[in-house]
C-alpha atoms as a PDB file:
ATOM      1  CA  MET A   1      -0.170  -0.174   0.013  1.00  0.00           C
ATOM      2  CA  PHE A   2       3.439   2.329   1.161  1.00  0.00           C
ATOM      3  CA  LEU A   3       4.514   1.485  -2.280  1.00  0.00           C
ATOM      4  CA  VAL A   4       1.436   2.076  -4.027  1.00  0.00           C
ATOM      5  CA  VAL A   5       0.678   5.596  -2.635  1.00  0.00           C
ATOM      6  CA  ALA A   6       4.555   6.360  -2.736  1.00  0.00           C
ATOM      7  CA  VAL A   7       4.069   5.793  -6.718  1.00  0.00           C
ATOM      8  CA  ALA A   8       1.006   7.741  -7.070  1.00  0.00           C
ATOM      9  CA  LEU A   9       2.611  10.764  -5.456  1.00  0.00           C
ATOM     10  CA  ALA A  10       6.002  10.803  -7.444  1.00  0.00           C
ATOM     11  CA  SER A  11       4.129  10.574 -10.503  1.00  0.00           C
ATOM     12  CA  GLY A  12       1.699  13.451  -9.491  1.00  0.00           C
ATOM     13  CA  LEU A  13       4.537  15.570  -8.827  1.00  0.00           C
ATOM     14  CA  GLY A  14       6.535  14.339 -12.089  1.00  0.00           C
ATOM     15  CA  ALA A  15       3.121  15.325 -13.938  1.00  0.00           C
ATOM     16  CA  LEU A  16       3.027  19.049 -11.870  1.00  0.00           C
ATOM     17  CA  ALA A  17       6.470  19.472 -12.638  1.00  0.00           C
ATOM     18  CA  LEU A  18       6.195  18.902 -16.593  1.00  0.00           C
ATOM     19  CA  GLY A  19       2.945  21.444 -16.654  1.00  0.00           C
ATOM     20  CA  LEU A  20       5.534  23.789 -15.188  1.00  0.00           C
ATOM     21  CA  LEU A  21       8.320  23.087 -17.169  1.00  0.00           C
ATOM     22  CA  ALA A  22       5.244  23.022 -20.695  1.00  0.00           C
ATOM     23  CA  GLY A  23       3.874  26.348 -19.052  1.00  0.00           C
ATOM     24  CA  ALA A  24       8.067  27.961 -19.288  1.00  0.00           C
ATOM     25  CA  LEU A  25       8.201  26.972 -23.174  1.00  0.00           C
ATOM     26  CA  VAL A  26       4.580  28.167 -24.083  1.00  0.00           C
ATOM     27  CA  ASN A  27       5.401  31.350 -22.495  1.00  0.00           C
ATOM     28  CA  ALA A  28       8.340  31.609 -24.302  1.00  0.00           C
ATOM     29  CA  LEU A  29       6.758  30.744 -27.825  1.00  0.00           C
ATOM     30  CA  ALA A  30       3.877  33.069 -27.171  1.00  0.00           C
ATOM     31  CA  ASP A  31       6.361  35.603 -26.149  1.00  0.00           C
ATOM     32  CA  GLN A  32       7.691  35.473 -29.555  1.00  0.00           C
ATOM     33  CA  VAL A  33       4.820  36.132 -31.090  1.00  0.00           C
ATOM     34  CA  VAL A  34       4.216  39.487 -32.834  1.00  0.00           C
ATOM     35  CA  GLY A  35       1.040  41.345 -33.684  1.00  0.00           C
ATOM     36  CA  VAL A  36      -0.915  42.303 -36.788  1.00  0.00           C
ATOM     37  CA  ASP A  37      -2.604  44.994 -35.643  1.00  0.00           C
ATOM     38  CA  GLU A  38      -1.726  48.650 -34.268  1.00  0.00           C
ATOM     39  CA  PRO A  39       0.498  49.379 -33.237  1.00  0.00           C
ATOM     40  CA  ILE A  40       2.676  46.347 -33.382  1.00  0.00           C
ATOM     41  CA  TRP A  41       3.500  44.474 -30.706  1.00  0.00           C
ATOM     42  CA  SER A  42       4.391  41.237 -28.750  1.00  0.00           C
ATOM     43  CA  ALA A  43       4.947  40.112 -25.255  1.00  0.00           C
ATOM     44  CA  SER A  44       8.446  40.532 -24.537  1.00  0.00           C
ATOM     45  CA  GLN A  45       7.480  44.623 -24.890  1.00  0.00           C
ATOM     46  CA  CYS A  46       5.607  47.175 -23.280  1.00  0.00           C
ATOM     47  CA  ARG A  47       1.944  46.849 -23.612  1.00  0.00           C
ATOM     48  CA  LYS A  48       1.984  50.638 -23.009  1.00  0.00           C
ATOM     49  CA  CYS A  49       4.833  52.426 -24.412  1.00  0.00           C
ATOM     50  CA  LEU A  50       6.488  48.548 -26.369  1.00  0.00           C
ATOM     51  CA  ALA A  51      10.141  48.925 -24.824  1.00  0.00           C
ATOM     52  CA  PRO A  52      12.079  45.442 -24.095  1.00  0.00           C
ATOM     53  CA  LEU A  53      10.939  44.354 -21.113  1.00  0.00           C
ATOM     54  CA  PRO A  54      13.159  42.931 -18.345  1.00  0.00           C
ATOM     55  CA  SER A  55      14.052  39.373 -19.389  1.00  0.00           C
ATOM     56  CA  PRO A  56      11.856  36.602 -17.604  1.00  0.00           C
ATOM     57  CA  ALA A  57      12.629  34.239 -14.581  1.00  0.00           C
ATOM     58  CA  PRO A  58      12.433  30.710 -15.425  1.00  0.00           C
ATOM     59  CA  LEU A  59      10.204  30.188 -12.603  1.00  0.00           C
ATOM     60  CA  ALA A  60       7.003  32.427 -13.449  1.00  0.00           C
ATOM     61  CA  LEU A  61       5.349  31.860 -10.226  1.00  0.00           C
ATOM     62  CA  ARG A  62       7.340  33.405  -8.720  1.00  0.00           C
ATOM     63  CA  GLU A  63       5.662  37.107 -10.012  1.00  0.00           C
ATOM     64  CA  PHE A  64       2.433  36.225  -8.157  1.00  0.00           C
ATOM     65  CA  PHE A  65       4.476  36.845  -5.131  1.00  0.00           C
ATOM     66  CA  ALA A  66       7.183  39.370  -6.370  1.00  0.00           C
ATOM     67  CA  PRO A  67       7.143  42.368  -8.564  1.00  0.00           C
ATOM     68  CA  GLY A  68       7.398  40.855 -11.576  1.00  0.00           C
ATOM     69  CA  ARG A  69       8.584  42.298 -14.603  1.00  0.00           C
ATOM     70  CA  VAL A  70       8.334  45.937 -14.740  1.00  0.00           C
ATOM     71  CA  CYS A  71       8.920  48.589 -17.767  1.00  0.00           C
ATOM     72  CA  GLY A  72      12.113  50.155 -17.397  1.00  0.00           C
ATOM     73  CA  ALA A  73      11.066  52.982 -19.137  1.00  0.00           C
ATOM     74  CA  CYS A  74       7.471  54.032 -17.900  1.00  0.00           C
ATOM     75  CA  GLY A  75       6.875  51.217 -14.609  1.00  0.00           C
ATOM     76  CA  LYS A  76       3.708  49.902 -16.107  1.00  0.00           C
ATOM     77  CA  ARG A  77       3.936  45.826 -15.064  1.00  0.00           C
ATOM     78  CA  ALA A  78       3.379  43.227 -17.042  1.00  0.00           C
ATOM     79  CA  SER A  79       0.992  40.775 -17.164  1.00  0.00           C
ATOM     80  CA  LEU A  80       0.446  37.675 -15.382  1.00  0.00           C
ATOM     81  CA  ARG A  81      -0.013  35.943 -17.833  1.00  0.00           C
ATOM     82  CA  ARG A  82       3.278  34.228 -17.637  1.00  0.00           C
ATOM     83  CA  PRO A  83       2.591  32.827 -13.857  1.00  0.00           C
ATOM     84  CA  LEU A  84      -0.792  31.956 -14.822  1.00  0.00           C
ATOM     85  CA  THR A  85      -0.185  30.261 -17.682  1.00  0.00           C
ATOM     86  CA  GLN A  86       2.264  28.637 -15.578  1.00  0.00           C
ATOM     87  CA  LEU A  87      -0.154  27.268 -13.001  1.00  0.00           C
ATOM     88  CA  ALA A  88      -3.038  26.216 -15.191  1.00  0.00           C
ATOM     89  CA  LEU A  89      -0.603  23.733 -16.947  1.00  0.00           C
ATOM     90  CA  ALA A  90       1.003  22.148 -13.694  1.00  0.00           C
ATOM     91  CA  LEU A  91      -2.859  21.622 -12.472  1.00  0.00           C
ATOM     92  CA  PHE A  92      -3.556  20.654 -15.827  1.00  0.00           C
ATOM     93  CA  MET A  93      -1.057  17.709 -16.395  1.00  0.00           C
ATOM     94  CA  PRO A  94      -1.815  16.052 -12.493  1.00  0.00           C
ATOM     95  CA  ALA A  95      -5.446  15.573 -14.096  1.00  0.00           C
ATOM     96  CA  ALA A  96      -4.680  14.458 -17.200  1.00  0.00           C
ATOM     97  CA  LEU A  97      -2.521  12.161 -15.594  1.00  0.00           C
ATOM     98  CA  TRP A  98      -4.996  10.899 -13.222  1.00  0.00           C
ATOM     99  CA  ARG A  99      -7.153  10.621 -16.067  1.00  0.00           C
ATOM    100  CA  ALA A 100      -5.098   8.740 -18.767  1.00  0.00           C
ATOM    101  CA  PHE A 101      -4.179   5.988 -15.909  1.00  0.00           C
ATOM    102  CA  ALA A 102      -7.262   5.615 -13.418  1.00  0.00           C
ATOM    103  CA  THR A 103     -10.635   6.562 -16.039  1.00  0.00           C
ATOM    104  CA  PRO A 104     -11.336   4.157 -18.415  1.00  0.00           C
ATOM    105  CA  SER A 105     -11.451   5.530 -21.854  1.00  0.00           C
ATOM    106  CA  HIS A 106     -13.552   4.429 -25.009  1.00  0.00           C
ATOM    107  CA  GLY A 107     -11.125   2.945 -27.026  1.00  0.00           C
ATOM    108  CA  ALA A 108      -8.275   0.611 -26.401  1.00  0.00           C
ATOM    109  CA  LEU A 109      -5.350   2.697 -26.581  1.00  0.00           C
ATOM    110  CA  PRO A 110      -2.964   2.190 -23.428  1.00  0.00           C
ATOM    111  CA  ALA A 111      -2.636   4.907 -20.780  1.00  0.00           C
ATOM    112  CA  TRP A 112       0.494   6.274 -21.699  1.00  0.00           C
ATOM    113  CA  ALA A 113      -0.618   6.964 -25.274  1.00  0.00           C
ATOM    114  CA  LEU A 114      -3.398   8.786 -23.912  1.00  0.00           C
ATOM    115  CA  PHE A 115      -1.548  10.843 -21.308  1.00  0.00           C
ATOM    116  CA  GLY A 116       1.044  11.729 -24.058  1.00  0.00           C
ATOM    117  CA  MET A 117      -2.104  12.928 -26.414  1.00  0.00           C
ATOM    118  CA  ALA A 118      -3.834  14.860 -23.455  1.00  0.00           C
ATOM    119  CA  VAL A 119       0.077  16.316 -22.573  1.00  0.00           C
ATOM    120  CA  ALA A 120       0.187  17.653 -26.814  1.00  0.00           C
ATOM    121  CA  ALA A 121      -3.359  18.850 -26.678  1.00  0.00           C
ATOM    122  CA  GLY A 122      -3.180  20.946 -23.437  1.00  0.00           C
ATOM    123  CA  VAL A 123      -0.171  22.318 -24.687  1.00  0.00           C
ATOM    124  CA  ALA A 124      -1.406  23.348 -27.831  1.00  0.00           C
ATOM    125  CA  LEU A 125      -4.534  24.275 -26.376  1.00  0.00           C
ATOM    126  CA  ALA A 126      -2.596  26.845 -23.916  1.00  0.00           C
ATOM    127  CA  PHE A 127      -0.358  28.772 -26.715  1.00  0.00           C
ATOM    128  CA  ILE A 128      -3.790  29.215 -28.924  1.00  0.00           C
ATOM    129  CA  PHE A 129      -5.657  30.575 -25.725  1.00  0.00           C
ATOM    130  CA  VAL A 130      -2.586  32.620 -25.085  1.00  0.00           C
ATOM    131  CA  VAL A 131      -2.088  33.979 -28.517  1.00  0.00           C
ATOM    132  CA  ASP A 132      -5.902  34.677 -29.663  1.00  0.00           C
ATOM    133  CA  LEU A 133      -5.871  36.522 -26.332  1.00  0.00           C
ATOM    134  CA  GLU A 134      -3.280  39.061 -27.039  1.00  0.00           C
ATOM    135  CA  HIS A 135      -2.878  39.270 -30.854  1.00  0.00           C
ATOM    136  CA  ARG A 136      -6.180  37.789 -31.994  1.00  0.00           C
ATOM    137  CA  LEU A 137      -4.584  34.961 -34.539  1.00  0.00           C
ATOM    138  CA  ILE A 138      -4.593  31.498 -34.619  1.00  0.00           C
ATOM    139  CA  TYR A 139      -1.594  29.585 -36.131  1.00  0.00           C
ATOM    140  CA  ASP A 140      -2.113  27.193 -38.495  1.00  0.00           C
ATOM    141  CA  LEU A 141       0.959  25.112 -37.039  1.00  0.00           C
ATOM    142  CA  SER A 142      -0.675  25.042 -34.401  1.00  0.00           C
ATOM    143  CA  ILE A 143      -3.783  23.102 -34.659  1.00  0.00           C
ATOM    144  CA  PHE A 144      -3.014  20.994 -38.190  1.00  0.00           C
ATOM    145  CA  PRO A 145       0.285  19.282 -36.863  1.00  0.00           C
ATOM    146  CA  LEU A 146      -1.475  17.572 -33.366  1.00  0.00           C
ATOM    147  CA  LEU A 147      -4.889  17.248 -35.420  1.00  0.00           C
ATOM    148  CA  VAL A 148      -3.119  14.673 -37.801  1.00  0.00           C
ATOM    149  CA  ALA A 149      -0.983  13.145 -34.740  1.00  0.00           C
ATOM    150  CA  LEU A 150      -4.034  12.496 -32.799  1.00  0.00           C
ATOM    151  CA  LEU A 151      -6.045  11.252 -36.126  1.00  0.00           C
ATOM    152  CA  ALA A 152      -3.242   9.324 -36.910  1.00  0.00           C
ATOM    153  CA  LEU A 153      -2.592   7.617 -33.181  1.00  0.00           C
ATOM    154  CA  THR A 154      -5.942   6.732 -32.868  1.00  0.00           C
ATOM    155  CA  GLY A 155      -6.537   5.060 -36.493  1.00  0.00           C
ATOM    156  CA  VAL A 156      -3.015   2.753 -35.329  1.00  0.00           C
ATOM    157  CA  PHE A 157      -3.669   1.757 -31.758  1.00  0.00           C
ATOM    158  CA  ASP A 158      -7.763   1.698 -32.247  1.00  0.00           C
ATOM    159  CA  ARG A 159      -9.596   2.106 -35.714  1.00  0.00           C
ATOM    160  CA  SER A 160     -13.189   1.681 -34.374  1.00  0.00           C
ATOM    161  CA  ARG A 161     -13.063   4.888 -32.753  1.00  0.00           C
ATOM    162  CA  LEU A 162     -11.154   6.895 -35.745  1.00  0.00           C
ATOM    163  CA  VAL A 163     -14.634   6.926 -37.444  1.00  0.00           C
ATOM    164  CA  SER A 164     -15.983   8.858 -34.374  1.00  0.00           C
ATOM    165  CA  VAL A 165     -13.080  11.268 -33.846  1.00  0.00           C
ATOM    166  CA  ILE A 166     -13.098  12.029 -37.358  1.00  0.00           C
ATOM    167  CA  PHE A 167     -16.887  12.934 -37.300  1.00  0.00           C
ATOM    168  CA  ALA A 168     -16.710  14.851 -33.938  1.00  0.00           C
ATOM    169  CA  ALA A 169     -13.846  16.964 -35.920  1.00  0.00           C
ATOM    170  CA  VAL A 170     -16.050  17.318 -39.060  1.00  0.00           C
ATOM    171  CA  LEU A 171     -19.266  18.502 -37.174  1.00  0.00           C
ATOM    172  CA  SER A 172     -16.996  21.011 -35.554  1.00  0.00           C
ATOM    173  CA  GLY A 173     -15.622  21.965 -38.306  1.00  0.00           C
ATOM    174  CA  ALA A 174     -18.989  22.055 -40.547  1.00  0.00           C
ATOM    175  CA  LEU A 175     -20.808  24.239 -37.399  1.00  0.00           C
ATOM    176  CA  PHE A 176     -18.353  26.445 -37.212  1.00  0.00           C
ATOM    177  CA  LEU A 177     -18.158  26.972 -40.956  1.00  0.00           C
ATOM    178  CA  LEU A 178     -21.315  27.587 -40.920  1.00  0.00           C
ATOM    179  CA  PHE A 179     -21.502  30.596 -38.641  1.00  0.00           C
ATOM    180  CA  TYR A 180     -18.716  31.854 -40.117  1.00  0.00           C
ATOM    181  CA  GLY A 181     -21.155  32.328 -43.270  1.00  0.00           C
ATOM    182  CA  LEU A 182     -23.866  33.578 -41.080  1.00  0.00           C
ATOM    183  CA  GLY A 183     -21.520  36.095 -39.678  1.00  0.00           C
ATOM    184  CA  TRP A 184     -21.363  37.712 -43.011  1.00  0.00           C
ATOM    185  CA  LEU A 185     -24.420  37.604 -44.380  1.00  0.00           C
ATOM    186  CA  LEU A 186     -26.057  39.611 -40.641  1.00  0.00           C
ATOM    187  CA  TYR A 187     -22.726  41.826 -40.203  1.00  0.00           C
ATOM    188  CA  ARG A 188     -20.938  41.702 -43.457  1.00  0.00           C
ATOM    189  CA  GLN A 189     -17.710  40.921 -41.859  1.00  0.00           C
ATOM    190  CA  GLU A 190     -16.628  38.572 -39.578  1.00  0.00           C
ATOM    191  CA  ALA A 191     -17.684  37.752 -36.649  1.00  0.00           C
ATOM    192  CA  LEU A 192     -15.908  35.382 -36.616  1.00  0.00           C
ATOM    193  CA  GLY A 193     -12.303  34.926 -37.415  1.00  0.00           C
ATOM    194  CA  PHE A 194     -11.575  32.010 -40.297  1.00  0.00           C
ATOM    195  CA  GLY A 195      -8.843  30.570 -37.747  1.00  0.00           C
ATOM    196  CA  ASP A 196     -11.495  29.740 -34.713  1.00  0.00           C
ATOM    197  CA  VAL A 197     -13.267  27.564 -37.709  1.00  0.00           C
ATOM    198  CA  LYS A 198      -9.852  25.611 -38.243  1.00  0.00           C
ATOM    199  CA  LEU A 199      -9.370  25.159 -34.441  1.00  0.00           C
ATOM    200  CA  ALA A 200     -12.893  23.789 -34.487  1.00  0.00           C
ATOM    201  CA  LEU A 201     -11.587  21.030 -36.537  1.00  0.00           C
ATOM    202  CA  LEU A 202      -9.235  20.316 -33.618  1.00  0.00           C
ATOM    203  CA  LEU A 203     -11.564  20.946 -31.003  1.00  0.00           C
ATOM    204  CA  GLY A 204     -13.686  17.981 -32.711  1.00  0.00           C
ATOM    205  CA  ALA A 205     -10.788  15.625 -32.391  1.00  0.00           C
ATOM    206  CA  ILE A 206      -9.248  16.081 -29.170  1.00  0.00           C
ATOM    207  CA  VAL A 207     -12.735  15.737 -27.766  1.00  0.00           C
ATOM    208  CA  GLY A 208     -14.472  13.524 -29.706  1.00  0.00           C
ATOM    209  CA  TRP A 209     -18.456  12.681 -29.738  1.00  0.00           C
ATOM    210  CA  PRO A 210     -20.507  12.768 -27.776  1.00  0.00           C
ATOM    211  CA  GLY A 211     -17.679  15.223 -25.759  1.00  0.00           C
ATOM    212  CA  LEU A 212     -17.992  17.869 -27.855  1.00  0.00           C
ATOM    213  CA  ILE A 213     -21.487  18.743 -27.101  1.00  0.00           C
ATOM    214  CA  THR A 214     -19.784  19.443 -23.487  1.00  0.00           C
ATOM    215  CA  ALA A 215     -16.970  21.848 -25.059  1.00  0.00           C
ATOM    216  CA  LEU A 216     -19.575  23.503 -27.479  1.00  0.00           C
ATOM    217  CA  LEU A 217     -22.158  23.896 -24.700  1.00  0.00           C
ATOM    218  CA  VAL A 218     -19.107  24.961 -22.093  1.00  0.00           C
ATOM    219  CA  THR A 219     -17.739  27.219 -25.446  1.00  0.00           C
ATOM    220  CA  ALA A 220     -21.214  28.684 -25.934  1.00  0.00           C
ATOM    221  CA  VAL A 221     -21.867  29.858 -22.020  1.00  0.00           C
ATOM    222  CA  THR A 222     -18.768  31.431 -21.232  1.00  0.00           C
ATOM    223  CA  ALA A 223     -18.553  33.386 -24.449  1.00  0.00           C
ATOM    224  CA  ALA A 224     -21.972  34.527 -23.352  1.00  0.00           C
ATOM    225  CA  ILE A 225     -21.563  35.353 -20.216  1.00  0.00           C
ATOM    226  CA  LEU A 226     -18.291  37.518 -20.448  1.00  0.00           C
ATOM    227  CA  SER A 227     -19.624  39.200 -23.533  1.00  0.00           C
ATOM    228  CA  MET A 228     -22.559  40.492 -21.709  1.00  0.00           C
ATOM    229  CA  LEU A 229     -20.557  41.430 -19.179  1.00  0.00           C
ATOM    230  CA  LEU A 230     -18.296  43.759 -21.250  1.00  0.00           C
ATOM    231  CA  LEU A 231     -21.169  44.954 -22.873  1.00  0.00           C
ATOM    232  CA  ALA A 232     -22.655  46.182 -19.781  1.00  0.00           C
ATOM    233  CA  SER A 233     -19.511  47.577 -18.773  1.00  0.00           C
ATOM    234  CA  GLY A 234     -19.198  49.216 -21.399  1.00  0.00           C
ATOM    235  CA  ALA A 235     -15.514  48.226 -22.231  1.00  0.00           C
ATOM    236  CA  VAL A 236     -16.340  46.873 -25.705  1.00  0.00           C
ATOM    237  CA  ASP A 237     -19.767  47.920 -28.099  1.00  0.00           C
ATOM    238  CA  ARG A 238     -22.027  45.362 -30.029  1.00  0.00           C
ATOM    239  CA  ARG A 239     -19.503  45.261 -32.930  1.00  0.00           C
ATOM    240  CA  ALA A 240     -16.291  44.549 -31.135  1.00  0.00           C
ATOM    241  CA  PHE A 241     -14.562  41.362 -32.371  1.00  0.00           C
ATOM    242  CA  ILE A 242     -13.818  39.348 -29.194  1.00  0.00           C
ATOM    243  CA  PRO A 243     -11.193  36.086 -29.974  1.00  0.00           C
ATOM    244  CA  PHE A 244     -13.843  33.307 -29.437  1.00  0.00           C
ATOM    245  CA  GLY A 245     -10.671  30.813 -29.465  1.00  0.00           C
ATOM    246  CA  VAL A 246     -10.010  31.812 -26.427  1.00  0.00           C
ATOM    247  CA  PHE A 247     -13.305  30.010 -25.351  1.00  0.00           C
ATOM    248  CA  MET A 248     -12.817  27.328 -27.189  1.00  0.00           C
ATOM    249  CA  ALA A 249      -9.359  26.541 -26.018  1.00  0.00           C
ATOM    250  CA  GLY A 250     -10.485  26.745 -22.619  1.00  0.00           C
ATOM    251  CA  ALA A 251     -13.361  24.677 -23.452  1.00  0.00           C
ATOM    252  CA  ALA A 252     -11.727  21.961 -25.102  1.00  0.00           C
ATOM    253  CA  ALA A 253      -9.149  21.233 -21.702  1.00  0.00           C
ATOM    254  CA  LEU A 254     -12.249  21.508 -19.844  1.00  0.00           C
ATOM    255  CA  THR A 255     -13.349  18.523 -21.297  1.00  0.00           C
ATOM    256  CA  LEU A 256     -10.568  16.513 -21.456  1.00  0.00           C
ATOM    257  CA  LEU A 257     -10.866  16.260 -17.364  1.00  0.00           C
ATOM    258  CA  ILE A 258     -14.321  15.435 -17.124  1.00  0.00           C
ATOM    259  CA  ALA A 259     -15.659  13.956 -20.123  1.00  0.00           C
ATOM    260  CA  PRO A 260     -15.148  10.424 -21.618  1.00  0.00           C
ATOM    261  CA  LEU A 261     -11.669  10.092 -23.242  1.00  0.00           C
ATOM    262  CA  PRO A 262     -12.720  10.221 -26.840  1.00  0.00           C
ATOM    263  CA  TRP A 263      -9.605   7.900 -28.263  1.00  0.00           C
END
């Protein structure tokens, strides 16, 4: 019994450390992204005056308790995105490990493969969340390599689940493509970015069917609540573009932890 507890504790701590490292990787990559909206800006610069920020500490969690990065030119403190990203992934990884080894999935993939796929999904979703939030951008490289890998691994280990995963991906993509077209018809502009349509394919492949129902419900509810709060506060108007990929990525990560694993 003691050995089982010791192994479980060590595995959990290892997964937590993996989450911290994954968060550091996501932060490092996100800091290099340069936006396309004026003013041209990257997270390695001060948002107020665009001056370079000091080099970040390896462990971003310390920024919760220390002043963190402060612009030497204007004194503005950098956002808490870095420690929040590391904290989120440090919590996600042990939960994903528990889901992979303690919760049966619909498919026949071994637990180590399930955990590896969840890790890859968590890192990609965190990167998508951060970049879409800061720059309103969703890169194809953060979507399609993982999408192909998920389909390939599912096909190799359990072909019976491949049809279900493809169905969820196609259904999700088609639904968001419909929303994209309706946005053009109603507003004569993009109410939904085409990057969100491509992200919908990955969303479906990550959560599968019927997990897609949960993911879409979480996406719709969180997006509606935040949009209403922003409108009520006057922070945005009715024609403001809200990065929908943020809600989709967050909903996919949450669904992985609460719904049956699709693979």
